Amino acid sequence: RYFQTPGQDIVWRGVVPEGHRALEGTNSAIGKCSSSVAR
């Protein structure tokens, strides 16, 4: 809430096309984390 441009990061292959990590687990929420605050 204190960021004029809220941000997050995806590193170390935390989200990849194969497997379940795109929809399950901590990293799956990264995208909505920053966009929800911005909206």
Full PDB file with SEQRES, HELIX, SHEET, SSBOND, CRYST1, ORIGX, SCALE, CONECT and MASTER records, all heavy atoms in Angstrom:
SEQRES   1 A   39  ARG TYR PHE GLN THR PRO GLY GLN ASP ILE VAL TRP ARG          
SEQRES   2 A   39  GLY VAL VAL PRO GLU GLY HIS ARG ALA LEU GLU GLY THR          
SEQRES   3 A   39  ASN SER ALA ILE GLY LYS CYS SER SER SER VAL ALA ARG          
HELIX    1 AA1 THR A   26  ALA A   29  5                                   4    
HELIX    2 AA2 ILE A   30  ALA A   38  1                                   9    
CRYST1    1.000    1.000    1.000  90.00  90.00  90.00 P 1           1          
ORIGX1      1.000000  0.000000  0.000000        0.00000                         
ORIGX2      0.000000  1.000000  0.000000        0.00000                         
ORIGX3      0.000000  0.000000  1.000000        0.00000                         
SCALE1      1.000000  0.000000  0.000000        0.00000                         
SCALE2      0.000000  1.000000  0.000000        0.00000                         
SCALE3      0.000000  0.000000  1.000000        0.00000                         
ATOM      1  N   ARG A   1       0.834  -1.215   0.000  1.00  0.00           N  
ATOM      2  CA  ARG A   1       0.000   0.000   0.000  1.00  0.00           C  
ATOM      3  C   ARG A   1       0.865   1.260   0.000  1.00  0.00           C  
ATOM      4  O   ARG A   1       0.387   2.350  -0.344  1.00  0.00           O  
ATOM      5  CB  ARG A   1      -0.919  -0.008   1.212  1.00  0.00           C  
ATOM      6  CG  ARG A   1      -0.194  -0.111   2.537  1.00  0.00           C  
ATOM      7  CD  ARG A   1      -1.149  -0.233   3.707  1.00  0.00           C  
ATOM      8  NE  ARG A   1      -0.546  -1.016   4.775  1.00  0.00           N  
ATOM      9  CZ  ARG A   1      -0.983  -1.033   6.018  1.00  0.00           C  
ATOM     10  NH1 ARG A   1      -2.044  -0.323   6.337  1.00  0.00           N  
ATOM     11  NH2 ARG A   1      -0.401  -1.774   6.926  1.00  0.00           N  
ATOM     12  N   TYR A   2       2.141   1.122   0.400  1.00  0.00           N  
ATOM     13  CA  TYR A   2       3.036   2.279   0.433  1.00  0.00           C  
ATOM     14  C   TYR A   2       3.834   2.436  -0.864  1.00  0.00           C  
ATOM     15  O   TYR A   2       4.601   3.395  -0.995  1.00  0.00           O  
ATOM     16  CB  TYR A   2       4.005   2.157   1.612  1.00  0.00           C  
ATOM     17  CG  TYR A   2       3.313   2.181   2.943  1.00  0.00           C  
ATOM     18  CD1 TYR A   2       3.258   1.048   3.747  1.00  0.00           C  
ATOM     19  CD2 TYR A   2       2.672   3.338   3.401  1.00  0.00           C  
ATOM     20  CE1 TYR A   2       2.605   1.061   4.969  1.00  0.00           C  
ATOM     21  CE2 TYR A   2       2.011   3.364   4.623  1.00  0.00           C  
ATOM     22  CZ  TYR A   2       1.980   2.226   5.401  1.00  0.00           C  
ATOM     23  OH  TYR A   2       1.323   2.243   6.606  1.00  0.00           O  
ATOM     24  N   PHE A   3       3.657   1.535  -1.808  1.00  0.00           N  
ATOM     25  CA  PHE A   3       4.390   1.611  -3.077  1.00  0.00           C  
ATOM     26  C   PHE A   3       3.552   2.390  -4.094  1.00  0.00           C  
ATOM     27  O   PHE A   3       2.396   2.044  -4.345  1.00  0.00           O  
ATOM     28  CB  PHE A   3       4.646   0.208  -3.630  1.00  0.00           C  
ATOM     29  CG  PHE A   3       5.725  -0.565  -2.922  1.00  0.00           C  
ATOM     30  CD1 PHE A   3       5.682  -0.775  -1.555  1.00  0.00           C  
ATOM     31  CD2 PHE A   3       6.791  -1.104  -3.633  1.00  0.00           C  
ATOM     32  CE1 PHE A   3       6.668  -1.488  -0.908  1.00  0.00           C  
ATOM     33  CE2 PHE A   3       7.788  -1.823  -2.985  1.00  0.00           C  
ATOM     34  CZ  PHE A   3       7.727  -2.006  -1.616  1.00  0.00           C  
ATOM     35  N   GLN A   4       4.141   3.417  -4.695  1.00  0.00           N  
ATOM     36  CA  GLN A   4       3.431   4.087  -5.793  1.00  0.00           C  
ATOM     37  C   GLN A   4       3.243   3.137  -6.977  1.00  0.00           C  
ATOM     38  O   GLN A   4       2.261   3.242  -7.710  1.00  0.00           O  
ATOM     39  CB  GLN A   4       4.188   5.340  -6.224  1.00  0.00           C  
ATOM     40  CG  GLN A   4       4.003   6.536  -5.309  1.00  0.00           C  
ATOM     41  CD  GLN A   4       4.838   6.481  -4.051  1.00  0.00           C  
ATOM     42  OE1 GLN A   4       5.807   5.726  -3.978  1.00  0.00           O  
ATOM     43  NE2 GLN A   4       4.483   7.283  -3.052  1.00  0.00           N  
ATOM     44  N   THR A   5       4.173   2.211  -7.167  1.00  0.00           N  
ATOM     45  CA  THR A   5       4.011   1.116  -8.129  1.00  0.00           C  
ATOM     46  C   THR A   5       4.215  -0.190  -7.363  1.00  0.00           C  
ATOM     47  O   THR A   5       5.358  -0.645  -7.196  1.00  0.00           O  
ATOM     48  CB  THR A   5       5.022   1.214  -9.285  1.00  0.00           C  
ATOM     49  OG1 THR A   5       4.846   2.448  -9.987  1.00  0.00           O  
ATOM     50  CG2 THR A   5       4.836   0.061 -10.269  1.00  0.00           C  
ATOM     51  N   PRO A   6       3.131  -0.799  -6.855  1.00  0.00           N  
ATOM     52  CA  PRO A   6       3.280  -2.054  -6.097  1.00  0.00           C  
ATOM     53  C   PRO A   6       3.941  -3.120  -6.958  1.00  0.00           C  
ATOM     54  O   PRO A   6       3.667  -3.229  -8.154  1.00  0.00           O  
ATOM     55  CB  PRO A   6       1.831  -2.436  -5.759  1.00  0.00           C  
ATOM     56  CG  PRO A   6       1.043  -1.186  -5.913  1.00  0.00           C  
ATOM     57  CD  PRO A   6       1.726  -0.390  -6.980  1.00  0.00           C  
ATOM     58  N   GLY A   7       4.828  -3.899  -6.342  1.00  0.00           N  
ATOM     59  CA  GLY A   7       5.566  -4.878  -7.127  1.00  0.00           C  
ATOM     60  C   GLY A   7       5.801  -6.181  -6.394  1.00  0.00           C  
ATOM     61  O   GLY A   7       5.660  -6.283  -5.176  1.00  0.00           O  
ATOM     62  N   GLN A   8       6.167  -7.190  -7.190  1.00  0.00           N  
ATOM     63  CA  GLN A   8       6.570  -8.491  -6.679  1.00  0.00           C  
ATOM     64  C   GLN A   8       7.637  -9.043  -7.634  1.00  0.00           C  
ATOM     65  O   GLN A   8       7.989  -8.383  -8.614  1.00  0.00           O  
ATOM     66  CB  GLN A   8       5.383  -9.459  -6.571  1.00  0.00           C  
ATOM     67  CG  GLN A   8       4.710  -9.468  -5.216  1.00  0.00           C  
ATOM     68  CD  GLN A   8       5.624  -9.995  -4.122  1.00  0.00           C  
ATOM     69  OE1 GLN A   8       6.677 -10.584  -4.381  1.00  0.00           O  
ATOM     70  NE2 GLN A   8       5.231  -9.794  -2.876  1.00  0.00           N  
ATOM     71  N   ASP A   9       8.147 -10.238  -7.356  1.00  0.00           N  
ATOM     72  CA  ASP A   9       9.106 -10.828  -8.286  1.00  0.00           C  
ATOM     73  C   ASP A   9       8.935 -12.344  -8.339  1.00  0.00           C  
ATOM     74  O   ASP A   9       8.501 -12.975  -7.379  1.00  0.00           O  
ATOM     75  CB  ASP A   9      10.546 -10.469  -7.924  1.00  0.00           C  
ATOM     76  CG  ASP A   9      11.060 -11.219  -6.692  1.00  0.00           C  
ATOM     77  OD1 ASP A   9      10.241 -11.542  -5.818  1.00  0.00           O  
ATOM     78  OD2 ASP A   9      12.270 -11.456  -6.607  1.00  0.00           O  
ATOM     79  N   ILE A  10       9.237 -12.891  -9.514  1.00  0.00           N  
ATOM     80  CA  ILE A  10       9.251 -14.339  -9.715  1.00  0.00           C  
ATOM     81  C   ILE A  10      10.669 -14.726 -10.118  1.00  0.00           C  
ATOM     82  O   ILE A  10      11.155 -14.307 -11.168  1.00  0.00           O  
ATOM     83  CB  ILE A  10       8.254 -14.770 -10.800  1.00  0.00           C  
ATOM     84  CG1 ILE A  10       6.820 -14.429 -10.391  1.00  0.00           C  
ATOM     85  CG2 ILE A  10       8.360 -16.267 -11.057  1.00  0.00           C  
ATOM     86  CD1 ILE A  10       5.784 -14.813 -11.418  1.00  0.00           C  
ATOM     87  N   VAL A  11      11.308 -15.523  -9.278  1.00  0.00           N  
ATOM     88  CA  VAL A  11      12.689 -15.922  -9.521  1.00  0.00           C  
ATOM     89  C   VAL A  11      12.844 -17.417  -9.266  1.00  0.00           C  
ATOM     90  O   VAL A  11      11.937 -18.080  -8.770  1.00  0.00           O  
ATOM     91  CB  VAL A  11      13.661 -15.142  -8.606  1.00  0.00           C  
ATOM     92  CG1 VAL A  11      13.648 -13.667  -8.936  1.00  0.00           C  
ATOM     93  CG2 VAL A  11      13.294 -15.343  -7.130  1.00  0.00           C  
ATOM     94  N   TRP A  12      14.047 -17.936  -9.652  1.00  0.00           N  
ATOM     95  CA  TRP A  12      14.416 -19.317  -9.342  1.00  0.00           C  
ATOM     96  C   TRP A  12      13.369 -20.324  -9.830  1.00  0.00           C  
ATOM     97  O   TRP A  12      13.070 -21.301  -9.171  1.00  0.00           O  
ATOM     98  CB  TRP A  12      14.643 -19.504  -7.839  1.00  0.00           C  
ATOM     99  CG  TRP A  12      15.765 -18.701  -7.294  1.00  0.00           C  
ATOM    100  CD1 TRP A  12      15.668 -17.607  -6.486  1.00  0.00           C  
ATOM    101  CD2 TRP A  12      17.163 -18.905  -7.513  1.00  0.00           C  
ATOM    102  NE1 TRP A  12      16.911 -17.115  -6.199  1.00  0.00           N  
ATOM    103  CE2 TRP A  12      17.848 -17.898  -6.805  1.00  0.00           C  
ATOM    104  CE3 TRP A  12      17.894 -19.846  -8.249  1.00  0.00           C  
ATOM    105  CZ2 TRP A  12      19.236 -17.799  -6.809  1.00  0.00           C  
ATOM    106  CZ3 TRP A  12      19.281 -19.746  -8.246  1.00  0.00           C  
ATOM    107  CH2 TRP A  12      19.941 -18.734  -7.532  1.00  0.00           C  
ATOM    108  N   ARG A  13      12.745 -20.025 -10.973  1.00  0.00           N  
ATOM    109  CA  ARG A  13      11.749 -20.933 -11.581  1.00  0.00           C  
ATOM    110  C   ARG A  13      10.631 -21.250 -10.606  1.00  0.00           C  
ATOM    111  O   ARG A  13      10.123 -22.378 -10.507  1.00  0.00           O  
ATOM    112  CB  ARG A  13      12.428 -22.221 -12.076  1.00  0.00           C  
ATOM    113  CG  ARG A  13      13.560 -21.982 -13.062  1.00  0.00           C  
ATOM    114  CD  ARG A  13      14.032 -23.242 -13.737  1.00  0.00           C  
ATOM    115  NE  ARG A  13      12.995 -23.759 -14.633  1.00  0.00           N  
ATOM    116  CZ  ARG A  13      12.776 -23.297 -15.873  1.00  0.00           C  
ATOM    117  NH1 ARG A  13      13.503 -22.313 -16.363  1.00  0.00           N  
ATOM    118  NH2 ARG A  13      11.830 -23.828 -16.617  1.00  0.00           N  
ATOM    119  N   GLY A  14      10.209 -20.226  -9.856  1.00  0.00           N  
ATOM    120  CA  GLY A  14       9.142 -20.405  -8.875  1.00  0.00           C  
ATOM    121  C   GLY A  14       7.790 -20.692  -9.495  1.00  0.00           C  
ATOM    122  O   GLY A  14       6.928 -21.302  -8.869  1.00  0.00           O  
ATOM    123  N   VAL A  15       7.577 -20.230 -10.726  1.00  0.00           N  
ATOM    124  CA  VAL A  15       6.358 -20.522 -11.487  1.00  0.00           C  
ATOM    125  C   VAL A  15       6.785 -20.974 -12.872  1.00  0.00           C  
ATOM    126  O   VAL A  15       7.537 -20.270 -13.553  1.00  0.00           O  
ATOM    127  CB  VAL A  15       5.429 -19.294 -11.592  1.00  0.00           C  
ATOM    128  CG1 VAL A  15       4.228 -19.599 -12.476  1.00  0.00           C  
ATOM    129  CG2 VAL A  15       4.975 -18.839 -10.213  1.00  0.00           C  
ATOM    130  N   VAL A  16       6.338 -22.138 -13.294  1.00  0.00           N  
ATOM    131  CA  VAL A  16       6.690 -22.695 -14.603  1.00  0.00           C  
ATOM    132  C   VAL A  16       5.447 -23.332 -15.221  1.00  0.00           C  
ATOM    133  O   VAL A  16       4.483 -23.653 -14.515  1.00  0.00           O  
ATOM    134  CB  VAL A  16       7.819 -23.746 -14.484  1.00  0.00           C  
ATOM    135  CG1 VAL A  16       9.147 -23.088 -14.127  1.00  0.00           C  
ATOM    136  CG2 VAL A  16       7.464 -24.809 -13.460  1.00  0.00           C  
ATOM    137  N   PRO A  17       5.442 -23.500 -16.560  1.00  0.00           N  
ATOM    138  CA  PRO A  17       4.251 -24.060 -17.214  1.00  0.00           C  
ATOM    139  C   PRO A  17       3.903 -25.464 -16.746  1.00  0.00           C  
ATOM    140  O   PRO A  17       2.720 -25.799 -16.599  1.00  0.00           O  
ATOM    141  CB  PRO A  17       4.631 -24.052 -18.702  1.00  0.00           C  
ATOM    142  CG  PRO A  17       5.716 -23.051 -18.831  1.00  0.00           C  
ATOM    143  CD  PRO A  17       6.467 -23.088 -17.535  1.00  0.00           C  
ATOM    144  N   GLU A  18       4.902 -26.301 -16.525  1.00  0.00           N  
ATOM    145  CA  GLU A  18       4.615 -27.679 -16.163  1.00  0.00           C  
ATOM    146  C   GLU A  18       4.409 -27.800 -14.655  1.00  0.00           C  
ATOM    147  O   GLU A  18       4.844 -26.949 -13.881  1.00  0.00           O  
ATOM    148  CB  GLU A  18       5.751 -28.607 -16.614  1.00  0.00           C  
ATOM    149  CG  GLU A  18       7.103 -28.321 -15.976  1.00  0.00           C  
ATOM    150  CD  GLU A  18       7.902 -27.237 -16.669  1.00  0.00           C  
ATOM    151  OE1 GLU A  18       7.388 -26.643 -17.653  1.00  0.00           O  
ATOM    152  OE2 GLU A  18       9.027 -26.964 -16.226  1.00  0.00           O  
ATOM    153  N   GLY A  19       3.738 -28.881 -14.244  1.00  0.00           N  
ATOM    154  CA  GLY A  19       3.528 -29.117 -12.819  1.00  0.00           C  
ATOM    155  C   GLY A  19       2.368 -28.303 -12.277  1.00  0.00           C  
ATOM    156  O   GLY A  19       1.489 -27.849 -12.994  1.00  0.00           O  
ATOM    157  N   HIS A  20       2.380 -28.083 -10.955  1.00  0.00           N  
ATOM    158  CA  HIS A  20       1.223 -27.500 -10.275  1.00  0.00           C  
ATOM    159  C   HIS A  20       1.473 -26.104  -9.717  1.00  0.00           C  
ATOM    160  O   HIS A  20       0.562 -25.468  -9.200  1.00  0.00           O  
ATOM    161  CB  HIS A  20       0.819 -28.415  -9.109  1.00  0.00           C  
ATOM    162  CG  HIS A  20       1.943 -28.658  -8.133  1.00  0.00           C  
ATOM    163  ND1 HIS A  20       2.260 -27.761  -7.130  1.00  0.00           N  
ATOM    164  CD2 HIS A  20       2.833 -29.674  -8.024  1.00  0.00           C  
ATOM    165  CE1 HIS A  20       3.293 -28.225  -6.437  1.00  0.00           C  
ATOM    166  NE2 HIS A  20       3.665 -29.381  -6.963  1.00  0.00           N  
ATOM    167  N   ARG A  21       2.718 -25.594  -9.835  1.00  0.00           N  
ATOM    168  CA  ARG A  21       3.044 -24.355  -9.122  1.00  0.00           C  
ATOM    169  C   ARG A  21       2.395 -23.108  -9.704  1.00  0.00           C  
ATOM    170  O   ARG A  21       2.363 -22.058  -9.043  1.00  0.00           O  
ATOM    171  CB  ARG A  21       4.561 -24.174  -9.079  1.00  0.00           C  
ATOM    172  CG  ARG A  21       5.237 -25.085  -8.066  1.00  0.00           C  
ATOM    173  CD  ARG A  21       6.730 -24.889  -8.057  1.00  0.00           C  
ATOM    174  NE  ARG A  21       7.340 -25.384  -9.283  1.00  0.00           N  
ATOM    175  CZ  ARG A  21       8.621 -25.230  -9.576  1.00  0.00           C  
ATOM    176  NH1 ARG A  21       9.418 -24.575  -8.762  1.00  0.00           N  
ATOM    177  NH2 ARG A  21       9.114 -25.724 -10.695  1.00  0.00           N  
ATOM    178  N   ALA A  22       1.863 -23.179 -10.921  1.00  0.00           N  
ATOM    179  CA  ALA A  22       1.185 -22.019 -11.490  1.00  0.00           C  
ATOM    180  C   ALA A  22      -0.144 -21.750 -10.797  1.00  0.00           C  
ATOM    181  O   ALA A  22      -0.662 -20.630 -10.844  1.00  0.00           O  
ATOM    182  CB  ALA A  22       0.952 -22.220 -12.992  1.00  0.00           C  
ATOM    183  N   LEU A  23      -0.709 -22.767 -10.135  1.00  0.00           N  
ATOM    184  CA  LEU A  23      -2.015 -22.623  -9.489  1.00  0.00           C  
ATOM    185  C   LEU A  23      -2.012 -22.979  -8.007  1.00  0.00           C  
ATOM    186  O   LEU A  23      -2.999 -22.714  -7.327  1.00  0.00           O  
ATOM    187  CB  LEU A  23      -3.048 -23.520 -10.196  1.00  0.00           C  
ATOM    188  CG  LEU A  23      -3.509 -23.080 -11.578  1.00  0.00           C  
ATOM    189  CD1 LEU A  23      -4.415 -24.136 -12.187  1.00  0.00           C  
ATOM    190  CD2 LEU A  23      -4.252 -21.751 -11.499  1.00  0.00           C  
ATOM    191  N   GLU A  24      -0.944 -23.574  -7.519  1.00  0.00           N  
ATOM    192  CA  GLU A  24      -0.915 -24.031  -6.138  1.00  0.00           C  
ATOM    193  C   GLU A  24       0.343 -23.516  -5.435  1.00  0.00           C  
ATOM    194  O   GLU A  24       1.398 -23.395  -6.041  1.00  0.00           O  
ATOM    195  CB  GLU A  24      -0.934 -25.564  -6.073  1.00  0.00           C  
ATOM    196  CG  GLU A  24      -2.182 -26.188  -6.669  1.00  0.00           C  
ATOM    197  CD  GLU A  24      -2.144 -27.712  -6.612  1.00  0.00           C  
ATOM    198  OE1 GLU A  24      -1.191 -28.264  -6.006  1.00  0.00           O  
ATOM    199  OE2 GLU A  24      -3.044 -28.360  -7.166  1.00  0.00           O  
ATOM    200  N   GLY A  25       0.200 -23.230  -4.144  1.00  0.00           N  
ATOM    201  CA  GLY A  25       1.344 -22.830  -3.355  1.00  0.00           C  
ATOM    202  C   GLY A  25       1.551 -21.326  -3.309  1.00  0.00           C  
ATOM    203  O   GLY A  25       0.847 -20.545  -3.966  1.00  0.00           O  
ATOM    204  N   THR A  26       2.528 -20.921  -2.522  1.00  0.00           N  
ATOM    205  CA  THR A  26       2.783 -19.507  -2.256  1.00  0.00           C  
ATOM    206  C   THR A  26       2.989 -18.689  -3.522  1.00  0.00           C  
ATOM    207  O   THR A  26       2.394 -17.622  -3.705  1.00  0.00           O  
ATOM    208  CB  THR A  26       4.010 -19.365  -1.343  1.00  0.00           C  
ATOM    209  OG1 THR A  26       3.740 -20.018  -0.098  1.00  0.00           O  
ATOM    210  CG2 THR A  26       4.329 -17.906  -1.079  1.00  0.00           C  
ATOM    211  N   ASN A  27       3.838 -19.176  -4.433  1.00  0.00           N  
ATOM    212  CA  ASN A  27       4.174 -18.388  -5.617  1.00  0.00           C  
ATOM    213  C   ASN A  27       2.991 -18.181  -6.557  1.00  0.00           C  
ATOM    214  O   ASN A  27       2.997 -17.255  -7.370  1.00  0.00           O  
ATOM    215  CB  ASN A  27       5.319 -19.044  -6.380  1.00  0.00           C  
ATOM    216  CG  ASN A  27       6.651 -18.851  -5.676  1.00  0.00           C  
ATOM    217  OD1 ASN A  27       6.891 -17.824  -5.049  1.00  0.00           O  
ATOM    218  ND2 ASN A  27       7.525 -19.838  -5.763  1.00  0.00           N  
ATOM    219  N   SER A  28       1.978 -19.045  -6.479  1.00  0.00           N  
ATOM    220  CA  SER A  28       0.839 -18.919  -7.383  1.00  0.00           C  
ATOM    221  C   SER A  28       0.055 -17.630  -7.154  1.00  0.00           C  
ATOM    222  O   SER A  28      -0.735 -17.224  -8.006  1.00  0.00           O  
ATOM    223  CB  SER A  28      -0.088 -20.130  -7.237  1.00  0.00           C  
ATOM    224  OG  SER A  28      -0.767 -20.107  -5.987  1.00  0.00           O  
ATOM    225  N   ALA A  29       0.261 -16.970  -6.007  1.00  0.00           N  
ATOM    226  CA  ALA A  29      -0.486 -15.752  -5.685  1.00  0.00           C  
ATOM    227  C   ALA A  29       0.276 -14.477  -6.018  1.00  0.00           C  
ATOM    228  O   ALA A  29      -0.241 -13.377  -5.814  1.00  0.00           O  
ATOM    229  CB  ALA A  29      -0.853 -15.756  -4.200  1.00  0.00           C  
ATOM    230  N   ILE A  30       1.500 -14.599  -6.537  1.00  0.00           N  
ATOM    231  CA  ILE A  30       2.355 -13.425  -6.737  1.00  0.00           C  
ATOM    232  C   ILE A  30       1.706 -12.380  -7.641  1.00  0.00           C  
ATOM    233  O   ILE A  30       1.737 -11.176  -7.357  1.00  0.00           O  
ATOM    234  CB  ILE A  30       3.721 -13.863  -7.298  1.00  0.00           C  
ATOM    235  CG1 ILE A  30       4.567 -14.501  -6.193  1.00  0.00           C  
ATOM    236  CG2 ILE A  30       4.466 -12.689  -7.907  1.00  0.00           C  
ATOM    237  CD1 ILE A  30       5.902 -15.030  -6.675  1.00  0.00           C  
ATOM    238  N   GLY A  31       1.132 -12.814  -8.769  1.00  0.00           N  
ATOM    239  CA  GLY A  31       0.565 -11.856  -9.712  1.00  0.00           C  
ATOM    240  C   GLY A  31      -0.566 -11.050  -9.107  1.00  0.00           C  
ATOM    241  O   GLY A  31      -0.619  -9.817  -9.215  1.00  0.00           O  
ATOM    242  N   LYS A  32      -1.490 -11.725  -8.442  1.00  0.00           N  
ATOM    243  CA  LYS A  32      -2.632 -11.049  -7.836  1.00  0.00           C  
ATOM    244  C   LYS A  32      -2.243 -10.239  -6.604  1.00  0.00           C  
ATOM    245  O   LYS A  32      -2.972  -9.345  -6.195  1.00  0.00           O  
ATOM    246  CB  LYS A  32      -3.695 -12.077  -7.445  1.00  0.00           C  
ATOM    247  CG  LYS A  32      -4.537 -12.579  -8.610  1.00  0.00           C  
ATOM    248  CD  LYS A  32      -5.451 -11.505  -9.157  1.00  0.00           C  
ATOM    249  CE  LYS A  32      -6.385 -12.053 -10.224  1.00  0.00           C  
ATOM    250  NZ  LYS A  32      -7.266 -11.011 -10.797  1.00  0.00           N  
ATOM    251  N   CYS A  33      -1.094 -10.547  -6.022  1.00  0.00           N  
ATOM    252  CA  CYS A  33      -0.628  -9.813  -4.848  1.00  0.00           C  
ATOM    253  C   CYS A  33      -0.466  -8.331  -5.179  1.00  0.00           C  
ATOM    254  O   CYS A  33      -1.007  -7.462  -4.496  1.00  0.00           O  
ATOM    255  CB  CYS A  33       0.683 -10.407  -4.347  1.00  0.00           C  
ATOM    256  SG  CYS A  33       1.362  -9.617  -2.868  1.00  0.00           S  
ATOM    257  N   SER A  34       0.267  -8.042  -6.245  1.00  0.00           N  
ATOM    258  CA  SER A  34       0.520  -6.643  -6.593  1.00  0.00           C  
ATOM    259  C   SER A  34      -0.654  -5.999  -7.312  1.00  0.00           C  
ATOM    260  O   SER A  34      -0.982  -4.835  -7.070  1.00  0.00           O  
ATOM    261  CB  SER A  34       1.781  -6.543  -7.451  1.00  0.00           C  
ATOM    262  OG  SER A  34       1.640  -7.283  -8.653  1.00  0.00           O  
ATOM    263  N   SER A  35      -1.324  -6.731  -8.217  1.00  0.00           N  
ATOM    264  CA  SER A  35      -2.405  -6.124  -8.995  1.00  0.00           C  
ATOM    265  C   SER A  35      -3.623  -5.802  -8.128  1.00  0.00           C  
ATOM    266  O   SER A  35      -4.326  -4.813  -8.356  1.00  0.00           O  
ATOM    267  CB  SER A  35      -2.815  -7.035 -10.159  1.00  0.00           C  
ATOM    268  OG  SER A  35      -3.417  -8.225  -9.697  1.00  0.00           O  
ATOM    269  N   SER A  36      -3.893  -6.621  -7.111  1.00  0.00           N  
ATOM    270  CA  SER A  36      -5.034  -6.346  -6.229  1.00  0.00           C  
ATOM    271  C   SER A  36      -4.835  -5.037  -5.480  1.00  0.00           C  
ATOM    272  O   SER A  36      -5.760  -4.212  -5.373  1.00  0.00           O  
ATOM    273  CB  SER A  36      -5.225  -7.496  -5.234  1.00  0.00           C  
ATOM    274  OG  SER A  36      -5.561  -8.699  -5.890  1.00  0.00           O  
ATOM    275  N   VAL A  37      -3.621  -4.824  -4.962  1.00  0.00           N  
ATOM    276  CA  VAL A  37      -3.335  -3.577  -4.258  1.00  0.00           C  
ATOM    277  C   VAL A  37      -3.458  -2.384  -5.199  1.00  0.00           C  
ATOM    278  O   VAL A  37      -4.048  -1.357  -4.857  1.00  0.00           O  
ATOM    279  CB  VAL A  37      -1.933  -3.624  -3.629  1.00  0.00           C  
ATOM    280  CG1 VAL A  37      -1.558  -2.273  -3.023  1.00  0.00           C  
ATOM    281  CG2 VAL A  37      -1.870  -4.711  -2.564  1.00  0.00           C  
ATOM    282  N   ALA A  38      -2.916  -2.521  -6.408  1.00  0.00           N  
ATOM    283  CA  ALA A  38      -2.979  -1.419  -7.372  1.00  0.00           C  
ATOM    284  C   ALA A  38      -4.423  -1.056  -7.701  1.00  0.00           C  
ATOM    285  O   ALA A  38      -4.777   0.128  -7.797  1.00  0.00           O  
ATOM    286  CB  ALA A  38      -2.221  -1.799  -8.640  1.00  0.00           C  
ATOM    287  N   ARG A  39      -5.267  -2.056  -7.863  1.00  0.00           N  
ATOM    288  CA  ARG A  39      -6.659  -1.786  -8.222  1.00  0.00           C  
ATOM    289  C   ARG A  39      -7.427  -1.161  -7.067  1.00  0.00           C  
ATOM    290  O   ARG A  39      -8.288  -0.302  -7.274  1.00  0.00           O  
ATOM    291  CB  ARG A  39      -7.317  -3.076  -8.693  1.00  0.00           C  
ATOM    292  CG  ARG A  39      -6.933  -3.406 -10.132  1.00  0.00           C  
ATOM    293  CD  ARG A  39      -7.177  -4.821 -10.533  1.00  0.00           C  
ATOM    294  NE  ARG A  39      -7.030  -4.980 -11.990  1.00  0.00           N  
ATOM    295  CZ  ARG A  39      -6.832  -6.124 -12.602  1.00  0.00           C  
ATOM    296  NH1 ARG A  39      -6.740  -7.250 -11.887  1.00  0.00           N  
ATOM    297  NH2 ARG A  39      -6.709  -6.177 -13.911  1.00  0.00           N  
TER     298      ARG A  39                                                      
MASTER        0    0    0    2    0    0    0    6  297    1    0    3          
END                                                                             
